[in-house]
Amino acid sequence: MSSPGKKYLHVFATFAKGGPQRRAIELMHRLGKGIQHQVVPMDGRFDALDLGVKGLDLEVIKAPAGPFPLRLMRMRSLLRCEDPDLLLTYNWGSIEWFLAARLAGQSAHVHHEDGFGPEEESARLPRRSWFRRRLFRRLSALIVPSRTLERIAETEWGMARDRLHYLPNGIELDRFKPVDRVAGDGITFGSVGGLRAVKNQSLALQAIAACPPEIRLLLVGDGPDESSLRRRSQELGLEGRVEFVGVMADTAPAYARMDAFLNSSRSEQMPIAVLEAMASGLPVVATDVGDVKQMLHPDNQPFIVHTGDEKAMAAAMQHLAGDDSTREDLGRKNRARAEAEYDADVCYGKYLDLYRRLTR
């Protein structure tokens, strides 16, 4: 247990619902009593509070505003006033806090890099890479959840090995577990995640439209693309085949309704939803992004398709839909891999050990 009276200041590009936010809240709970958590969402969104912060000593602080020089001075003042024992920043949207931390003399600073926005899907922007090379070297630690990001951090950003930490996401195996699936009159693929451009659910809709009518789609989540996705579903004639479930604070019951999982993202590193599907005993059809192929059992890898290839995705879905034994076999193997590699107690224990070691 961490020493009582410690304060952790978390700066997020957004505290909207997403994988990094879910992980951060889980880690806050695991850190236990005696830690005061302060969250600064740079975009003003704090929807992720709905993901279960009851019992936490947590305060949301409004992000400093104004022109850049004034904003930076306000960040420095906030750091000096709050005097956190550990500063934790998340992704590119928090980059200004690197400068504020230097100005404030904040020495204990851990940064989490979980992936890239749409503007860096195919390649990193040179200007941002330059800033990363200059600023990341002063970190106490850089945490990345995928081997892909680990390679980028080392080769492109020049991150020293002793401060670069590959810490994969974990999954609560007792919460997400296989269920007996009752044979019905169709096969349901499911997707869990924000309805936004990078998740590319429009590809999933196009793939479903190319499949026989007994193949259905369950979309769990909400986001800015919901209206356009609903319109696209109607245009493709998918009434009755696509269900928009909305946000679920506990997504475990959603996986129990699926026969297979579908990930259509254009950019990911180590998606927590894929881990949840694996732990739930599901086979996975997914785009070849980040570490997804390495996460799954090797026998599931033939169902990984090139990003944006709707024909290949539809073919993979139809293959699984027509083969009950393959679905069951891959589901068992993915569950076993989740148990062996991604147990939350083990994976998140490494996060906690690092946080506690670096806490001032």
Protein backbone atom coordinates (compact mmCIF):
# COMPACT_ATOMS: atom_id res chain seq x y z
CA MET A 1 0.00 0.00 0.00
CA SER A 2 1.26 3.49 -0.80
CA SER A 3 2.13 5.88 1.98
CA PRO A 4 -0.86 7.82 3.34
CA GLY A 5 -1.41 11.42 2.32
CA LYS A 6 0.03 11.13 -1.18
CA LYS A 7 -1.36 13.19 -4.06
CA TYR A 8 -1.39 12.09 -7.73
CA LEU A 9 -2.22 14.63 -10.43
CA HIS A 10 -3.51 13.09 -13.68
CA VAL A 11 -3.62 15.17 -16.89
CA PHE A 12 -5.66 13.73 -19.76
CA ALA A 13 -6.20 15.06 -23.26
CA THR A 14 -9.79 14.04 -22.52
CA PHE A 15 -11.49 12.24 -19.67
CA ALA A 16 -14.20 10.96 -21.97
CA LYS A 17 -14.90 7.23 -21.81
CA GLY A 18 -12.14 5.15 -23.35
CA GLY A 19 -9.52 2.49 -22.73
CA PRO A 20 -6.86 4.69 -21.06
CA GLN A 21 -9.48 6.23 -18.80
CA ARG A 22 -10.86 2.82 -17.81
CA ARG A 23 -7.35 1.63 -17.00
CA ALA A 24 -6.54 4.76 -15.00
CA ILE A 25 -9.67 4.39 -12.87
CA GLU A 26 -8.91 0.71 -12.27
CA LEU A 27 -5.38 1.62 -11.17
CA MET A 28 -6.69 4.35 -8.87
CA HIS A 29 -8.84 1.75 -7.12
CA ARG A 30 -5.93 -0.66 -6.87
CA LEU A 31 -3.67 1.99 -5.35
CA GLY A 32 -5.98 1.91 -2.36
CA LYS A 33 -6.78 4.36 0.41
CA GLY A 34 -4.58 7.29 1.30
CA ILE A 35 -4.13 8.60 -2.25
CA GLN A 36 -5.77 11.82 -3.37
CA HIS A 37 -6.33 11.82 -7.13
CA GLN A 38 -6.76 15.02 -9.11
CA VAL A 39 -7.84 14.80 -12.75
CA VAL A 40 -7.34 17.61 -15.27
CA PRO A 41 -9.19 16.97 -18.58
CA MET A 42 -7.71 19.32 -21.17
CA ASP A 43 -10.88 19.33 -23.29
CA GLY A 44 -13.19 19.78 -20.30
CA ARG A 45 -14.84 16.37 -20.71
CA PHE A 46 -15.15 14.07 -17.72
CA ASP A 47 -17.69 11.46 -18.90
CA ALA A 48 -15.38 8.70 -17.64
CA LEU A 49 -16.46 9.50 -14.09
CA ASP A 50 -19.45 7.27 -14.94
CA LEU A 51 -17.11 4.28 -15.25
CA GLY A 52 -16.98 3.77 -11.48
CA VAL A 53 -15.11 6.23 -9.27
CA LYS A 54 -17.18 5.61 -6.14
CA GLY A 55 -14.90 5.19 -3.13
CA LEU A 56 -12.05 7.17 -4.68
CA ASP A 57 -10.73 10.44 -3.26
CA LEU A 58 -10.96 12.14 -6.64
CA GLU A 59 -11.26 15.79 -7.66
CA VAL A 60 -11.71 17.14 -11.19
CA ILE A 61 -9.77 20.36 -11.81
CA LYS A 62 -10.58 22.69 -14.69
CA ALA A 63 -7.73 22.92 -17.18
CA PRO A 64 -5.92 26.28 -17.24
CA ALA A 65 -7.00 28.40 -20.22
CA GLY A 66 -5.78 31.43 -22.15
CA PRO A 67 -3.08 32.15 -24.75
CA PHE A 68 -0.18 29.70 -24.61
CA PRO A 69 2.28 31.75 -22.48
CA LEU A 70 -0.42 32.61 -19.95
CA ARG A 71 -1.79 29.06 -20.01
CA LEU A 72 1.67 27.66 -19.36
CA MET A 73 2.20 29.97 -16.39
CA ARG A 74 -1.17 28.91 -14.98
CA MET A 75 -0.19 25.25 -15.33
CA ARG A 76 3.05 25.97 -13.51
CA SER A 77 1.15 27.78 -10.75
CA LEU A 78 -1.29 24.88 -10.42
CA LEU A 79 1.58 22.41 -10.07
CA ARG A 80 3.31 24.55 -7.47
CA CYS A 81 0.08 25.08 -5.54
CA GLU A 82 -1.05 21.44 -5.56
CA ASP A 83 2.50 20.08 -5.24
CA PRO A 84 1.66 16.50 -6.37
CA ASP A 85 3.83 13.60 -5.28
CA LEU A 86 3.47 12.18 -8.79
CA LEU A 87 2.43 13.82 -12.05
CA LEU A 88 0.84 11.42 -14.53
CA THR A 89 0.19 12.60 -18.08
CA TYR A 90 -1.64 10.76 -20.85
CA ASN A 91 -1.02 11.03 -24.60
CA TRP A 92 -0.16 13.95 -26.87
CA GLY A 93 -2.92 16.26 -25.61
CA SER A 94 -1.08 16.66 -22.31
CA ILE A 95 2.26 17.67 -23.86
CA GLU A 96 2.19 21.28 -22.59
CA TRP A 97 2.43 19.93 -19.05
CA PHE A 98 5.94 18.69 -19.78
CA LEU A 99 7.05 22.31 -20.03
CA ALA A 100 4.98 23.35 -17.02
CA ALA A 101 6.54 20.52 -14.99
CA ARG A 102 10.05 21.77 -15.80
CA LEU A 103 9.14 25.33 -14.86
CA ALA A 104 7.54 24.17 -11.61
CA GLY A 105 10.43 21.90 -10.67
CA GLN A 106 8.18 18.82 -10.75
CA SER A 107 10.62 15.92 -10.70
CA ALA A 108 8.34 12.86 -10.42
CA HIS A 109 6.62 12.59 -13.81
CA VAL A 110 5.26 9.48 -15.57
CA HIS A 111 3.84 9.73 -19.09
CA HIS A 112 1.52 7.18 -20.73
CA GLU A 113 1.52 6.95 -24.51
CA ASP A 114 -1.38 4.79 -25.72
CA GLY A 115 -1.46 5.57 -29.41
CA PHE A 116 -2.12 8.27 -31.95
CA GLY A 117 -5.00 10.38 -33.18
CA PRO A 118 -6.33 10.40 -36.75
CA GLU A 119 -3.64 12.86 -37.82
CA GLU A 120 -0.92 10.30 -36.99
CA GLU A 121 -2.61 7.06 -38.01
CA SER A 122 -0.20 6.24 -40.83
CA ALA A 123 2.93 8.11 -39.71
CA ARG A 124 4.07 10.36 -36.91
CA LEU A 125 4.12 14.09 -37.56
CA PRO A 126 7.77 15.27 -37.71
CA ARG A 127 7.13 18.28 -35.48
CA ARG A 128 5.51 16.14 -32.79
CA SER A 129 8.27 13.56 -33.00
CA TRP A 130 10.81 16.36 -32.50
CA PHE A 131 8.99 17.52 -29.36
CA ARG A 132 8.77 13.97 -28.08
CA ARG A 133 12.49 13.44 -28.55
CA ARG A 134 13.25 16.67 -26.71
CA LEU A 135 10.77 16.32 -23.85
CA PHE A 136 10.47 12.59 -23.17
CA ARG A 137 14.14 12.31 -22.20
CA ARG A 138 13.38 14.26 -18.99
CA LEU A 139 10.64 11.90 -17.83
CA SER A 140 10.91 9.66 -14.80
CA ALA A 141 9.26 6.98 -16.94
CA LEU A 142 7.43 6.49 -20.24
CA ILE A 143 4.81 3.71 -20.20
CA VAL A 144 3.61 2.10 -23.43
CA PRO A 145 1.11 -0.81 -23.62
CA SER A 146 2.27 -2.31 -26.92
CA ARG A 147 5.47 -3.62 -28.47
CA THR A 148 4.72 -1.44 -31.49
CA LEU A 149 4.86 1.70 -29.36
CA GLU A 150 7.91 0.40 -27.52
CA ARG A 151 9.77 0.13 -30.83
CA ILE A 152 8.65 3.61 -31.92
CA ALA A 153 9.67 5.15 -28.58
CA GLU A 154 13.11 3.59 -28.76
CA THR A 155 13.94 4.10 -32.44
CA GLU A 156 12.10 7.32 -33.31
CA TRP A 157 12.06 9.20 -30.01
CA GLY A 158 15.40 7.98 -28.62
CA MET A 159 13.90 6.93 -25.30
CA ALA A 160 16.45 5.40 -22.93
CA ARG A 161 15.76 1.75 -22.10
CA ASP A 162 15.94 2.28 -18.35
CA ARG A 163 13.04 4.76 -18.46
CA LEU A 164 10.97 3.04 -21.16
CA HIS A 165 8.47 0.53 -19.77
CA TYR A 166 6.36 -1.87 -21.81
CA LEU A 167 3.40 -2.57 -19.52
CA PRO A 168 0.51 -4.31 -21.29
CA ASN A 169 -3.07 -3.70 -20.31
CA GLY A 170 -4.67 -6.28 -18.07
CA ILE A 171 -8.11 -7.82 -17.81
CA GLU A 172 -10.16 -8.90 -14.79
CA LEU A 173 -10.57 -12.58 -15.53
CA ASP A 174 -13.27 -13.10 -12.90
CA ARG A 175 -15.41 -10.34 -14.38
CA PHE A 176 -15.07 -11.30 -18.04
CA LYS A 177 -15.52 -15.01 -18.50
CA PRO A 178 -16.94 -17.45 -21.05
CA VAL A 179 -20.62 -18.31 -20.94
CA ASP A 180 -22.62 -21.12 -22.49
CA ARG A 181 -23.95 -19.69 -25.73
CA VAL A 182 -27.33 -20.96 -26.82
CA ALA A 183 -27.66 -21.83 -30.50
CA GLY A 184 -30.10 -19.49 -32.22
CA ASP A 185 -31.22 -18.51 -35.68
CA GLY A 186 -28.21 -16.35 -36.40
CA ILE A 187 -24.71 -15.27 -35.40
CA THR A 188 -24.01 -12.02 -33.55
CA PHE A 189 -20.73 -10.15 -33.90
CA GLY A 190 -20.11 -7.44 -31.36
CA SER A 191 -18.01 -4.29 -31.17
CA VAL A 192 -17.27 -2.28 -28.01
CA GLY A 193 -15.84 1.23 -28.16
CA GLY A 194 -16.49 4.88 -28.83
CA LEU A 195 -18.42 5.62 -32.02
CA ARG A 196 -15.80 7.84 -33.61
CA ALA A 197 -13.74 7.98 -36.79
CA VAL A 198 -10.66 6.09 -35.60
CA LYS A 199 -12.80 3.11 -34.55
CA ASN A 200 -14.16 2.98 -38.12
CA GLN A 201 -17.47 1.27 -37.36
CA SER A 202 -18.58 2.23 -40.87
CA LEU A 203 -16.28 -0.56 -42.09
CA ALA A 204 -18.09 -3.00 -39.79
CA LEU A 205 -21.44 -1.88 -41.25
CA GLN A 206 -20.18 -2.38 -44.80
CA ALA A 207 -18.85 -5.83 -43.93
CA ILE A 208 -22.15 -6.83 -42.30
CA ALA A 209 -24.03 -5.63 -45.38
CA ALA A 210 -21.90 -8.00 -47.49
CA CYS A 211 -22.79 -10.96 -45.25
CA PRO A 212 -25.91 -13.14 -45.27
CA PRO A 213 -28.86 -11.73 -43.26
CA GLU A 214 -28.43 -14.19 -40.38
CA ILE A 215 -25.21 -12.39 -39.40
CA ARG A 216 -25.96 -9.48 -37.07
CA LEU A 217 -23.96 -6.71 -35.36
CA LEU A 218 -24.08 -5.36 -31.82
CA LEU A 219 -22.49 -1.89 -31.37
CA VAL A 220 -21.74 -0.98 -27.74
CA GLY A 221 -20.75 2.62 -27.08
CA ASP A 222 -21.60 6.15 -28.08
CA GLY A 223 -19.79 9.07 -29.61
CA PRO A 224 -19.81 11.80 -32.25
CA ASP A 225 -20.31 9.38 -35.17
CA GLU A 226 -23.48 7.77 -33.82
CA SER A 227 -25.91 9.77 -36.00
CA SER A 228 -23.92 9.18 -39.19
CA LEU A 229 -23.55 5.48 -38.41
CA ARG A 230 -27.29 5.13 -37.86
CA ARG A 231 -27.92 6.82 -41.21
CA ARG A 232 -25.37 4.58 -42.90
CA SER A 233 -27.00 1.50 -41.40
CA GLN A 234 -30.34 2.55 -42.89
CA GLU A 235 -28.76 3.29 -46.28
CA LEU A 236 -27.29 -0.21 -46.33
CA GLY A 237 -30.67 -1.77 -45.48
CA LEU A 238 -29.51 -3.19 -42.16
CA GLU A 239 -32.69 -2.58 -40.18
CA GLY A 240 -33.10 -5.40 -37.68
CA ARG A 241 -29.51 -6.58 -38.16
CA VAL A 242 -27.61 -3.81 -36.32
CA GLU A 243 -28.34 -2.88 -32.72
CA PHE A 244 -26.98 0.32 -31.21
CA VAL A 245 -26.74 -0.54 -27.53
CA GLY A 246 -25.22 2.71 -26.25
CA VAL A 247 -22.82 3.05 -23.35
CA MET A 248 -22.67 0.35 -20.68
CA ALA A 249 -20.90 1.05 -17.38
CA ASP A 250 -20.30 -2.70 -17.14
CA THR A 251 -19.63 -4.19 -20.56
CA ALA A 252 -19.30 -7.81 -19.39
CA PRO A 253 -22.99 -8.67 -20.11
CA ALA A 254 -22.60 -7.39 -23.68
CA TYR A 255 -19.97 -10.02 -24.48
CA ALA A 256 -22.33 -12.72 -23.26
CA ARG A 257 -24.65 -11.75 -26.14
CA MET A 258 -21.92 -12.16 -28.77
CA ASP A 259 -20.82 -15.19 -30.73
CA ALA A 260 -17.67 -13.43 -31.98
CA PHE A 261 -15.96 -10.07 -31.58
CA LEU A 262 -15.30 -7.53 -34.32
CA ASN A 263 -12.66 -4.79 -34.23
CA SER A 264 -12.68 -2.49 -37.26
CA SER A 265 -10.32 0.26 -36.03
CA ARG A 266 -7.98 2.19 -38.28
CA SER A 267 -5.52 2.73 -35.44
CA GLU A 268 -5.05 0.92 -32.12
CA GLN A 269 -2.17 -0.25 -29.97
CA MET A 270 -3.49 -2.68 -27.37
CA PRO A 271 -7.29 -2.35 -27.28
CA ILE A 272 -8.82 -3.30 -23.96
CA ALA A 273 -12.02 -4.38 -25.72
CA VAL A 274 -10.10 -7.14 -27.53
CA LEU A 275 -8.76 -8.32 -24.16
CA GLU A 276 -12.30 -8.34 -22.78
CA ALA A 277 -13.45 -10.41 -25.75
CA MET A 278 -10.58 -12.86 -25.30
CA ALA A 279 -11.34 -13.27 -21.59
CA SER A 280 -15.01 -13.77 -22.51
CA GLY A 281 -14.05 -16.75 -24.65
CA LEU A 282 -14.74 -15.19 -28.03
CA PRO A 283 -13.05 -15.57 -31.41
CA VAL A 284 -12.00 -12.26 -32.95
CA VAL A 285 -12.13 -10.75 -36.42
CA ALA A 286 -10.00 -7.59 -36.46
CA THR A 287 -8.00 -5.19 -38.54
CA ASP A 288 -4.23 -5.56 -38.39
CA VAL A 289 -3.40 -2.62 -36.11
CA GLY A 290 -0.95 -2.24 -33.24
CA ASP A 291 -0.37 -5.42 -31.26
CA VAL A 292 -3.75 -7.02 -32.01
CA LYS A 293 -2.27 -9.92 -33.98
CA GLN A 294 0.26 -10.65 -31.22
CA MET A 295 -2.37 -10.41 -28.47
CA LEU A 296 -4.57 -13.17 -29.88
CA HIS A 297 -3.85 -16.89 -29.90
CA PRO A 298 -1.86 -17.77 -33.06
CA ASP A 299 -4.74 -19.88 -34.40
CA ASN A 300 -6.90 -16.72 -34.46
CA GLN A 301 -4.44 -14.81 -36.63
CA PRO A 302 -5.90 -15.91 -40.00
CA PHE A 303 -8.94 -13.80 -39.09
CA ILE A 304 -6.89 -10.59 -38.96
CA VAL A 305 -7.46 -8.48 -42.09
CA HIS A 306 -5.86 -5.41 -43.65
CA THR A 307 -7.22 -2.10 -42.39
CA GLY A 308 -10.15 -0.94 -44.52
CA ASP A 309 -10.58 -4.23 -46.41
CA GLU A 310 -14.32 -4.79 -46.13
CA LYS A 311 -14.31 -7.82 -48.45
CA ALA A 312 -11.69 -9.62 -46.38
CA MET A 313 -13.53 -8.71 -43.18
CA ALA A 314 -16.84 -9.99 -44.54
CA ALA A 315 -15.16 -13.22 -45.69
CA ALA A 316 -13.58 -13.77 -42.25
CA MET A 317 -16.92 -13.13 -40.56
CA GLN A 318 -18.75 -15.56 -42.82
CA HIS A 319 -16.08 -18.21 -42.22
CA LEU A 320 -16.54 -17.96 -38.45
CA ALA A 321 -20.31 -17.69 -38.67
CA GLY A 322 -20.49 -20.96 -40.60
CA ASP A 323 -18.16 -22.98 -38.36
CA ASP A 324 -19.38 -23.55 -34.80
CA SER A 325 -16.43 -25.73 -33.82
CA THR A 326 -13.86 -23.15 -34.96
CA ARG A 327 -15.60 -20.41 -32.98
CA GLU A 328 -15.62 -22.57 -29.86
CA ASP A 329 -12.01 -23.67 -30.31
CA LEU A 330 -10.69 -20.13 -30.88
CA GLY A 331 -12.75 -18.84 -27.97
CA ARG A 332 -11.16 -21.39 -25.61
CA LYS A 333 -7.68 -20.60 -26.88
CA ASN A 334 -8.14 -16.84 -26.59
CA ARG A 335 -9.39 -17.26 -23.02
CA ALA A 336 -6.35 -19.39 -22.17
CA ARG A 337 -4.04 -16.75 -23.65
CA ALA A 338 -5.75 -14.02 -21.61
CA GLU A 339 -5.24 -16.10 -18.47
CA ALA A 340 -1.57 -16.70 -19.27
CA GLU A 341 -0.56 -13.21 -20.44
CA TYR A 342 -3.04 -10.54 -19.37
CA ASP A 343 -4.27 -11.23 -15.84
CA ALA A 344 -5.02 -7.77 -14.38
CA ASP A 345 -3.53 -8.66 -11.01
CA VAL A 346 -0.18 -9.32 -12.67
CA CYS A 347 -0.25 -6.63 -15.37
CA TYR A 348 -1.55 -3.81 -13.19
CA GLY A 349 0.66 -4.86 -10.30
CA LYS A 350 3.59 -3.76 -12.48
CA TYR A 351 2.01 -0.33 -12.98
CA LEU A 352 1.51 0.06 -9.24
CA ASP A 353 5.06 -1.01 -8.45
CA LEU A 354 6.41 1.61 -10.87
CA TYR A 355 4.13 4.38 -9.58
CA ARG A 356 5.09 3.69 -5.98
CA ARG A 357 8.79 3.52 -6.76
CA LEU A 358 8.71 6.89 -8.53
CA THR A 359 6.37 8.68 -6.10
CA ARG A 360 8.20 11.50 -4.44
